[in-house]
Amino acid sequence: MHGHSAAAATIAYALLTVTLTWPLARGIAKDVPADFGDPLLNTWVLAWDAEHMLRAISGNPGALREYWNANIFHPHPLALAYSEHLTPQAAMILPVWALTKNPILCYNLVFMSTFLFSALGMFLFTRSLTSSTGAAFVAGLAFGFAPYRFGTMSHVQVLAAMWMPFTLLGAYRFFETRRLAPLAGAAGAWIAQSLSCGYYLLFFSPVLAAYVGWEIV
């Protein structure tokens, strides 16, 4: 039953993502959302990341030595770290990059996935808390498609808040079951969230600590 409700929620959230970001899906391989500022910068960052990851797993591990030395601000080293490096996002689209080498398509897939996975993560977390599919679906809508998200369309790193509910879900299931697998999942999701956006490393970590403290008490 839970599997069917999660699948139905995923389909609904995917349709909403396409609808609310339309007409992006129609030109997903050639258009960018919002403007030509940060979206193009982040498109380049994703392409840089994915290409170096692909070279590394294709038998050239030396490519990772140059990962942080992006081809900007010469001769300064480690220039990729001057902005958001989007490493988890690049890992997400690595198979698409390997097949297409289309940076705009990869960026748009990351962009749209932030809505879908934010909503789905909150759905799963709320359903675990309340055992209510209806409440979980509304919570997913509220988190994944909140109006403020549409005011920051050009900042994909800020939109990438999807790891927060998965972190909380893993922590909650650990306290409920005392199994290590959910705890490992929570830790992995927190690391992915922190690497996805530096702001959230600072803003979400205290919230997570407070939640863990509350559960312990």
Protein backbone atom coordinates (compact mmCIF):
# COMPACT_ATOMS: atom_id res chain seq x y z
CA MET A 1 0.00 0.00 0.00
CA HIS A 2 2.78 2.39 0.94
CA GLY A 3 4.62 1.59 -2.28
CA HIS A 4 1.59 2.44 -4.38
CA SER A 5 1.00 5.75 -2.59
CA ALA A 6 4.64 6.76 -3.00
CA ALA A 7 4.52 5.91 -6.69
CA ALA A 8 1.30 7.90 -7.14
CA ALA A 9 2.80 10.87 -5.27
CA THR A 10 5.94 10.70 -7.41
CA ILE A 11 3.90 10.80 -10.61
CA ALA A 12 1.80 13.70 -9.32
CA TYR A 13 4.87 15.69 -8.24
CA ALA A 14 6.58 15.00 -11.57
CA LEU A 15 3.55 16.28 -13.50
CA LEU A 16 3.41 19.37 -11.28
CA THR A 17 7.11 20.00 -11.87
CA VAL A 18 6.65 19.92 -15.62
CA THR A 19 3.52 22.08 -15.44
CA LEU A 20 4.85 24.72 -13.07
CA THR A 21 8.16 25.08 -14.93
CA TRP A 22 6.58 25.01 -18.40
CA PRO A 23 7.72 25.54 -21.13
CA LEU A 24 11.13 24.36 -19.93
CA ALA A 25 10.36 20.69 -20.61
CA ARG A 26 9.60 21.52 -24.25
CA GLY A 27 13.12 22.89 -24.76
CA ILE A 28 14.87 20.88 -22.08
CA ALA A 29 17.98 20.30 -24.22
CA LYS A 30 18.46 23.90 -25.36
CA ASP A 31 16.71 26.39 -23.04
CA VAL A 32 17.59 27.57 -19.53
CA PRO A 33 15.12 28.74 -16.86
CA ALA A 34 15.01 32.22 -15.36
CA ASP A 35 17.92 34.21 -16.85
CA PHE A 36 21.37 33.97 -18.41
CA GLY A 37 23.31 34.70 -15.20
CA ASP A 38 23.68 32.01 -12.57
CA PRO A 39 22.00 29.28 -14.68
CA LEU A 40 24.78 29.49 -17.26
CA LEU A 41 27.46 29.67 -14.57
CA ASN A 42 26.06 26.58 -12.89
CA THR A 43 25.70 24.83 -16.25
CA TRP A 44 29.43 25.30 -16.76
CA VAL A 45 30.16 24.10 -13.20
CA LEU A 46 28.13 20.93 -13.72
CA ALA A 47 29.86 20.23 -17.03
CA TRP A 48 33.30 20.77 -15.48
CA ASP A 49 32.48 18.47 -12.56
CA ALA A 50 30.87 15.73 -14.63
CA GLU A 51 33.65 15.65 -17.22
CA HIS A 52 36.33 15.25 -14.55
CA MET A 53 34.30 12.57 -12.76
CA LEU A 54 33.78 10.74 -16.05
CA ARG A 55 37.49 10.83 -16.89
CA ALA A 56 38.32 9.51 -13.43
CA ILE A 57 35.99 6.51 -13.63
CA SER A 58 37.07 5.88 -17.24
CA GLY A 59 40.59 5.07 -16.15
CA ASN A 60 42.19 8.46 -15.63
CA PRO A 61 42.14 9.08 -11.87
CA GLY A 62 44.55 11.95 -12.36
CA ALA A 63 41.59 14.00 -13.60
CA LEU A 64 40.49 14.39 -10.00
CA ARG A 65 43.73 16.20 -9.19
CA GLU A 66 42.55 19.04 -11.42
CA TYR A 67 38.95 18.92 -10.22
CA TRP A 68 39.23 22.02 -8.03
CA ASN A 69 41.55 23.91 -10.38
CA ALA A 70 38.83 25.19 -12.67
CA ASN A 71 39.83 27.10 -15.80
CA ILE A 72 38.87 30.52 -14.42
CA PHE A 73 40.73 33.26 -12.53
CA HIS A 74 44.13 32.11 -13.79
CA PRO A 75 46.66 31.78 -12.21
CA HIS A 76 44.77 31.36 -8.92
CA PRO A 77 44.39 27.72 -7.84
CA LEU A 78 41.29 25.91 -6.54
CA ALA A 79 39.01 28.33 -8.37
CA LEU A 80 36.08 25.90 -8.41
CA ALA A 81 35.73 26.52 -4.67
CA TYR A 82 35.15 30.23 -5.26
CA SER A 83 31.46 29.46 -5.84
CA GLU A 84 29.13 26.51 -5.22
CA HIS A 85 30.85 23.44 -6.65
CA LEU A 86 27.64 21.37 -7.11
CA THR A 87 29.44 18.04 -6.71
CA PRO A 88 26.36 15.99 -5.64
CA GLN A 89 24.32 17.50 -8.47
CA ALA A 90 27.04 16.56 -10.96
CA ALA A 91 27.07 12.99 -9.66
CA MET A 92 23.29 12.85 -10.19
CA ILE A 93 23.54 13.65 -13.90
CA LEU A 94 26.78 11.82 -14.64
CA PRO A 95 25.13 9.06 -16.74
CA VAL A 96 23.29 11.69 -18.82
CA TRP A 97 26.52 13.63 -19.31
CA ALA A 98 28.32 10.45 -20.40
CA LEU A 99 25.63 9.73 -22.99
CA THR A 100 24.92 13.23 -24.34
CA LYS A 101 27.65 15.69 -23.30
CA ASN A 102 24.83 18.27 -23.33
CA PRO A 103 25.42 20.67 -20.41
CA ILE A 104 22.07 22.45 -20.78
CA LEU A 105 20.13 19.18 -20.67
CA CYS A 106 22.06 18.15 -17.57
CA TYR A 107 21.43 21.47 -15.86
CA ASN A 108 17.71 21.34 -16.59
CA LEU A 109 17.42 17.80 -15.25
CA VAL A 110 19.08 18.90 -12.01
CA PHE A 111 16.85 21.98 -11.87
CA MET A 112 13.62 20.00 -12.32
CA SER A 113 14.73 17.22 -9.99
CA THR A 114 15.01 19.68 -7.11
CA PHE A 115 11.24 20.17 -7.18
CA LEU A 116 10.40 16.50 -7.57
CA PHE A 117 12.77 15.14 -4.93
CA SER A 118 12.09 17.92 -2.43
CA ALA A 119 8.39 17.10 -2.60
CA LEU A 120 8.92 13.35 -2.52
CA GLY A 121 11.35 13.52 0.40
CA MET A 122 8.92 15.54 2.48
CA PHE A 123 6.11 13.17 1.50
CA LEU A 124 8.08 10.18 2.79
CA PHE A 125 9.16 11.93 5.98
CA THR A 126 5.66 13.18 6.83
CA ARG A 127 4.06 9.84 6.06
CA SER A 128 6.49 8.19 8.49
CA LEU A 129 5.60 10.75 11.16
CA THR A 130 1.83 10.77 10.72
CA SER A 131 0.92 7.55 8.87
CA SER A 132 -1.35 9.79 6.78
CA THR A 133 -0.92 9.72 3.00
CA GLY A 134 -3.08 12.82 2.61
CA ALA A 135 -1.09 14.87 5.10
CA ALA A 136 2.13 13.61 3.53
CA PHE A 137 1.02 14.66 0.06
CA VAL A 138 0.11 18.16 1.22
CA ALA A 139 3.42 18.47 3.07
CA GLY A 140 5.25 17.46 -0.11
CA LEU A 141 3.38 20.12 -2.05
CA ALA A 142 4.19 22.77 0.56
CA PHE A 143 7.90 21.98 0.67
CA GLY A 144 8.57 21.10 -2.95
CA PHE A 145 6.54 23.87 -4.57
CA ALA A 146 6.63 26.67 -2.00
CA PRO A 147 6.21 30.11 -3.64
CA TYR A 148 9.65 31.30 -2.49
CA ARG A 149 11.24 28.62 -4.69
CA PHE A 150 9.84 30.32 -7.77
CA GLY A 151 11.46 33.56 -6.65
CA THR A 152 14.91 31.99 -6.73
CA MET A 153 14.66 30.08 -10.00
CA SER A 154 18.13 31.10 -11.15
CA HIS A 155 19.89 29.63 -8.10
CA VAL A 156 19.81 25.88 -8.49
CA GLN A 157 21.98 25.44 -5.41
CA VAL A 158 19.29 27.11 -3.27
CA LEU A 159 16.58 25.03 -4.92
CA ALA A 160 18.56 21.89 -4.07
CA ALA A 161 17.01 21.46 -0.61
CA MET A 162 15.83 17.93 -1.39
CA TRP A 163 18.28 16.21 0.93
CA MET A 164 16.83 17.85 4.07
CA PRO A 165 13.71 15.67 4.43
CA PHE A 166 15.69 12.53 3.59
CA THR A 167 18.16 13.42 6.36
CA LEU A 168 15.32 13.86 8.85
CA LEU A 169 13.65 10.68 7.62
CA GLY A 170 16.79 8.65 8.19
CA ALA A 171 17.28 10.13 11.65
CA TYR A 172 13.64 9.47 12.58
CA ARG A 173 13.80 5.85 11.42
CA PHE A 174 17.03 5.33 13.35
CA PHE A 175 15.42 6.48 16.58
CA GLU A 176 12.37 4.32 15.86
CA THR A 177 14.27 1.14 14.97
CA ARG A 178 17.82 1.61 16.33
CA ARG A 179 19.10 0.16 13.04
CA LEU A 180 22.32 1.56 11.59
CA ALA A 181 21.17 1.60 7.97
CA PRO A 182 18.79 4.58 8.43
CA LEU A 183 21.49 6.39 10.41
CA ALA A 184 23.96 5.86 7.57
CA GLY A 185 21.35 7.12 5.13
CA ALA A 186 20.78 10.23 7.25
CA ALA A 187 24.51 10.90 7.39
CA GLY A 188 24.85 10.45 3.63
CA ALA A 189 21.91 12.74 2.93
CA TRP A 190 23.29 15.40 5.29
CA ILE A 191 26.67 15.27 3.52
CA ALA A 192 24.97 15.53 0.13
CA GLN A 193 22.90 18.48 1.34
CA SER A 194 25.94 20.26 2.76
CA LEU A 195 27.91 19.77 -0.45
CA SER A 196 24.95 20.81 -2.62
CA CYS A 197 24.72 24.29 -1.08
CA GLY A 198 27.07 25.91 1.41
CA TYR A 199 24.24 28.00 2.84
CA TYR A 200 22.40 24.87 3.90
CA LEU A 201 25.49 23.50 5.64
CA LEU A 202 25.17 26.52 7.94
CA PHE A 203 21.38 26.82 8.11
CA PHE A 204 20.20 23.20 8.16
CA SER A 205 22.84 21.67 10.44
CA PRO A 206 21.55 23.46 13.58
CA VAL A 207 18.01 22.34 12.75
CA LEU A 208 19.20 18.76 12.41
CA ALA A 209 21.12 19.00 15.69
CA ALA A 210 18.03 20.37 17.43
CA TYR A 211 15.87 17.55 16.07
CA VAL A 212 18.38 14.90 17.14
CA GLY A 213 18.59 16.52 20.59
CA TRP A 214 14.80 16.49 20.88
CA GLU A 215 14.66 12.80 19.95
CA ILE A 216 17.34 11.95 22.51
CA VAL A 217 15.52 13.84 25.26
